[in-house]
Amino acid sequence: MLHTRVVVDSEEPKVPYETREQIPDVIITHDALLGYAEKLRQGTGPLALDAERASGYTYSQRAYLIQLRREGAGSALIDPIA
């Protein structure tokens, strides 16, 4: 029986990943949080909120990263533990 080994190039062409805006630094200080809160106040429209947390089975139920976005204020990544 003849065995043929087919080698497929798994390296696909890389497409540059582009975002609409630069990914913000994580907010870890009270002053930085107050600065973003002022941007939120001046923004318009709805506020998008997402909280990432660890599983309650191994870790606590607390949030480990909060993401906010509002038109005119941009996006924010907040470390609530810091």
N, C-alpha and C. Protein backbone atom coordinates (compact mmCIF):
# COMPACT_ATOMS: atom_id res chain seq x y z
N MET A 1 0.85 -1.17 0.00
CA MET A 1 0.00 0.00 0.00
C MET A 1 0.90 1.24 0.00
N LEU A 2 0.53 2.20 -0.80
CA LEU A 2 1.29 3.44 -0.92
C LEU A 2 0.69 4.49 -0.01
N HIS A 3 1.52 5.11 0.81
CA HIS A 3 1.06 6.18 1.70
C HIS A 3 1.58 7.51 1.17
N THR A 4 0.70 8.45 1.07
CA THR A 4 1.08 9.78 0.61
C THR A 4 0.90 10.76 1.77
N ARG A 5 1.91 11.51 2.02
CA ARG A 5 1.83 12.52 3.08
C ARG A 5 1.67 13.88 2.42
N VAL A 6 0.60 14.54 2.78
CA VAL A 6 0.33 15.86 2.23
C VAL A 6 0.70 16.89 3.28
N VAL A 7 1.56 17.79 2.93
CA VAL A 7 1.97 18.86 3.84
C VAL A 7 1.26 20.13 3.39
N VAL A 8 0.49 20.69 4.28
CA VAL A 8 -0.25 21.90 3.98
C VAL A 8 0.38 23.04 4.76
N ASP A 9 0.63 24.12 4.08
CA ASP A 9 1.18 25.30 4.75
C ASP A 9 0.09 25.90 5.61
N SER A 10 0.24 25.78 6.93
CA SER A 10 -0.77 26.29 7.84
C SER A 10 -0.63 27.79 8.09
N GLU A 11 0.40 28.36 7.57
CA GLU A 11 0.63 29.79 7.76
C GLU A 11 -0.25 30.58 6.81
N GLU A 12 -1.34 31.13 7.34
CA GLU A 12 -2.23 31.93 6.51
C GLU A 12 -1.71 33.36 6.45
N PRO A 13 -2.05 34.07 5.40
CA PRO A 13 -1.61 35.46 5.32
C PRO A 13 -2.15 36.26 6.51
N LYS A 14 -1.32 37.08 7.06
CA LYS A 14 -1.70 37.91 8.21
C LYS A 14 -2.41 39.17 7.72
N VAL A 15 -3.58 39.40 8.27
CA VAL A 15 -4.33 40.61 7.95
C VAL A 15 -4.15 41.56 9.13
N PRO A 16 -3.71 42.77 8.89
CA PRO A 16 -3.51 43.69 10.01
C PRO A 16 -4.82 43.92 10.76
N TYR A 17 -4.74 43.89 12.07
CA TYR A 17 -5.90 44.14 12.91
C TYR A 17 -5.96 45.62 13.20
N GLU A 18 -7.08 46.22 12.88
CA GLU A 18 -7.24 47.66 13.10
C GLU A 18 -8.43 47.91 14.01
N THR A 19 -8.26 48.85 14.92
CA THR A 19 -9.35 49.26 15.79
C THR A 19 -9.77 50.67 15.41
N ARG A 20 -10.99 51.03 15.77
CA ARG A 20 -11.47 52.38 15.47
C ARG A 20 -10.71 53.42 16.27
N GLU A 21 -10.27 53.04 17.43
CA GLU A 21 -9.52 53.96 18.28
C GLU A 21 -8.42 53.17 18.97
N GLN A 22 -7.45 53.88 19.50
CA GLN A 22 -6.35 53.23 20.20
C GLN A 22 -6.87 52.58 21.48
N ILE A 23 -6.36 51.40 21.81
CA ILE A 23 -6.78 50.74 23.04
C ILE A 23 -6.24 51.55 24.22
N PRO A 24 -7.13 51.95 25.14
CA PRO A 24 -6.69 52.82 26.23
C PRO A 24 -5.87 52.08 27.28
N ASP A 25 -5.08 52.84 28.01
CA ASP A 25 -4.38 52.27 29.17
C ASP A 25 -5.41 51.93 30.23
N VAL A 26 -5.09 50.96 31.06
CA VAL A 26 -5.99 50.58 32.14
C VAL A 26 -5.95 51.66 33.23
N ILE A 27 -7.12 52.09 33.66
CA ILE A 27 -7.23 53.10 34.71
C ILE A 27 -6.99 52.42 36.05
N ILE A 28 -5.95 52.90 36.77
CA ILE A 28 -5.61 52.29 38.05
C ILE A 28 -5.53 53.31 39.19
N THR A 29 -5.73 54.59 38.89
CA THR A 29 -5.66 55.60 39.94
C THR A 29 -6.99 56.34 40.06
N HIS A 30 -7.21 56.88 41.23
CA HIS A 30 -8.44 57.64 41.49
C HIS A 30 -8.52 58.86 40.58
N ASP A 31 -7.41 59.55 40.39
CA ASP A 31 -7.40 60.74 39.54
C ASP A 31 -7.74 60.41 38.09
N ALA A 32 -7.21 59.29 37.59
CA ALA A 32 -7.51 58.87 36.22
C ALA A 32 -8.99 58.51 36.10
N LEU A 33 -9.54 57.89 37.13
CA LEU A 33 -10.96 57.55 37.12
C LEU A 33 -11.83 58.80 37.12
N LEU A 34 -11.46 59.79 37.90
CA LEU A 34 -12.20 61.05 37.91
C LEU A 34 -12.12 61.74 36.54
N GLY A 35 -10.97 61.66 35.90
CA GLY A 35 -10.81 62.25 34.57
C GLY A 35 -11.73 61.59 33.55
N TYR A 36 -11.83 60.27 33.61
CA TYR A 36 -12.72 59.58 32.67
C TYR A 36 -14.18 59.86 33.02
N ALA A 37 -14.49 59.97 34.30
CA ALA A 37 -15.87 60.28 34.70
C ALA A 37 -16.31 61.61 34.11
N GLU A 38 -15.41 62.58 34.05
CA GLU A 38 -15.73 63.88 33.43
C GLU A 38 -15.97 63.71 31.94
N LYS A 39 -15.17 62.87 31.27
CA LYS A 39 -15.40 62.59 29.85
C LYS A 39 -16.77 61.94 29.64
N LEU A 40 -17.13 61.02 30.52
CA LEU A 40 -18.45 60.39 30.43
C LEU A 40 -19.56 61.42 30.56
N ARG A 41 -19.40 62.35 31.49
CA ARG A 41 -20.41 63.39 31.70
C ARG A 41 -20.60 64.23 30.46
N GLN A 42 -19.52 64.50 29.75
CA GLN A 42 -19.59 65.32 28.55
C GLN A 42 -20.01 64.53 27.31
N GLY A 43 -19.97 63.20 27.39
CA GLY A 43 -20.34 62.36 26.25
C GLY A 43 -21.84 62.39 26.02
N THR A 44 -22.26 61.70 24.96
CA THR A 44 -23.68 61.67 24.62
C THR A 44 -24.13 60.24 24.37
N GLY A 45 -25.42 60.03 24.54
CA GLY A 45 -26.00 58.73 24.21
C GLY A 45 -25.84 57.70 25.31
N PRO A 46 -26.15 56.46 24.97
CA PRO A 46 -26.10 55.39 25.96
C PRO A 46 -24.68 55.06 26.41
N LEU A 47 -24.58 54.45 27.55
CA LEU A 47 -23.32 54.01 28.12
C LEU A 47 -23.24 52.49 28.00
N ALA A 48 -22.18 52.00 27.40
CA ALA A 48 -21.96 50.55 27.32
C ALA A 48 -21.06 50.14 28.47
N LEU A 49 -21.42 49.04 29.13
CA LEU A 49 -20.68 48.57 30.30
C LEU A 49 -20.50 47.06 30.20
N ASP A 50 -19.30 46.60 30.50
CA ASP A 50 -19.01 45.17 30.54
C ASP A 50 -18.07 44.93 31.70
N ALA A 51 -18.35 43.91 32.50
CA ALA A 51 -17.49 43.56 33.62
C ALA A 51 -16.99 42.14 33.45
N GLU A 52 -15.71 41.96 33.60
CA GLU A 52 -15.09 40.63 33.53
C GLU A 52 -14.80 40.20 34.96
N ARG A 53 -15.18 38.97 35.26
CA ARG A 53 -14.89 38.47 36.60
C ARG A 53 -14.41 37.03 36.51
N ALA A 54 -13.80 36.58 37.58
CA ALA A 54 -13.34 35.20 37.65
C ALA A 54 -14.48 34.33 38.16
N SER A 55 -14.36 33.06 37.91
CA SER A 55 -15.38 32.11 38.35
C SER A 55 -15.54 32.14 39.87
N GLY A 56 -16.76 32.10 40.33
CA GLY A 56 -17.04 32.11 41.76
C GLY A 56 -16.68 30.83 42.46
N TYR A 57 -16.40 29.77 41.69
CA TYR A 57 -16.02 28.50 42.32
C TYR A 57 -14.60 28.55 42.87
N THR A 58 -13.72 29.22 42.15
CA THR A 58 -12.33 29.28 42.57
C THR A 58 -11.98 30.63 43.18
N TYR A 59 -12.55 31.67 42.62
CA TYR A 59 -12.25 33.02 43.06
C TYR A 59 -13.52 33.68 43.57
N SER A 60 -13.39 34.90 44.02
CA SER A 60 -14.56 35.63 44.49
C SER A 60 -15.42 36.06 43.30
N GLN A 61 -16.59 36.59 43.56
CA GLN A 61 -17.50 37.06 42.52
C GLN A 61 -17.17 38.48 42.06
N ARG A 62 -16.12 39.07 42.59
CA ARG A 62 -15.82 40.46 42.28
C ARG A 62 -15.32 40.64 40.84
N ALA A 63 -15.50 41.83 40.33
CA ALA A 63 -15.05 42.15 38.97
C ALA A 63 -13.54 42.36 38.98
N TYR A 64 -12.89 41.95 37.90
CA TYR A 64 -11.45 42.12 37.75
C TYR A 64 -11.10 43.09 36.64
N LEU A 65 -12.08 43.45 35.80
CA LEU A 65 -11.88 44.46 34.76
C LEU A 65 -13.24 45.00 34.39
N ILE A 66 -13.35 46.32 34.34
CA ILE A 66 -14.59 46.97 33.92
C ILE A 66 -14.29 47.75 32.66
N GLN A 67 -15.14 47.56 31.64
CA GLN A 67 -14.98 48.26 30.37
C GLN A 67 -16.18 49.18 30.17
N LEU A 68 -15.91 50.43 29.84
CA LEU A 68 -16.96 51.42 29.60
C LEU A 68 -16.74 52.07 28.25
N ARG A 69 -17.83 52.50 27.63
CA ARG A 69 -17.74 53.26 26.37
C ARG A 69 -18.97 54.14 26.23
N ARG A 70 -18.72 55.35 25.80
CA ARG A 70 -19.80 56.29 25.50
C ARG A 70 -19.33 57.20 24.38
N GLU A 71 -20.20 57.49 23.45
CA GLU A 71 -19.87 58.38 22.34
C GLU A 71 -19.39 59.72 22.89
N GLY A 72 -18.27 60.18 22.41
CA GLY A 72 -17.70 61.45 22.86
C GLY A 72 -16.76 61.29 24.04
N ALA A 73 -16.83 60.14 24.72
CA ALA A 73 -15.94 59.90 25.86
C ALA A 73 -14.90 58.84 25.52
N GLY A 74 -15.19 58.03 24.53
CA GLY A 74 -14.27 56.95 24.18
C GLY A 74 -14.43 55.76 25.11
N SER A 75 -13.49 54.85 25.02
CA SER A 75 -13.51 53.63 25.81
C SER A 75 -12.60 53.77 27.02
N ALA A 76 -12.92 53.00 28.07
CA ALA A 76 -12.08 52.96 29.25
C ALA A 76 -12.01 51.54 29.76
N LEU A 77 -10.85 51.17 30.25
CA LEU A 77 -10.62 49.91 30.93
C LEU A 77 -10.26 50.25 32.37
N ILE A 78 -11.03 49.76 33.31
CA ILE A 78 -10.83 50.12 34.71
C ILE A 78 -10.49 48.88 35.51
N ASP A 79 -9.42 48.97 36.29
CA ASP A 79 -9.03 47.89 37.22
C ASP A 79 -9.66 48.25 38.56
N PRO A 80 -10.77 47.60 38.93
CA PRO A 80 -11.45 47.98 40.18
C PRO A 80 -10.68 47.56 41.43
N ILE A 81 -9.76 46.62 41.30
CA ILE A 81 -9.00 46.19 42.46
C ILE A 81 -7.94 47.23 42.81
N ALA A 82 -7.34 47.83 41.78
CA ALA A 82 -6.32 48.87 42.02
C ALA A 82 -6.97 50.07 42.67
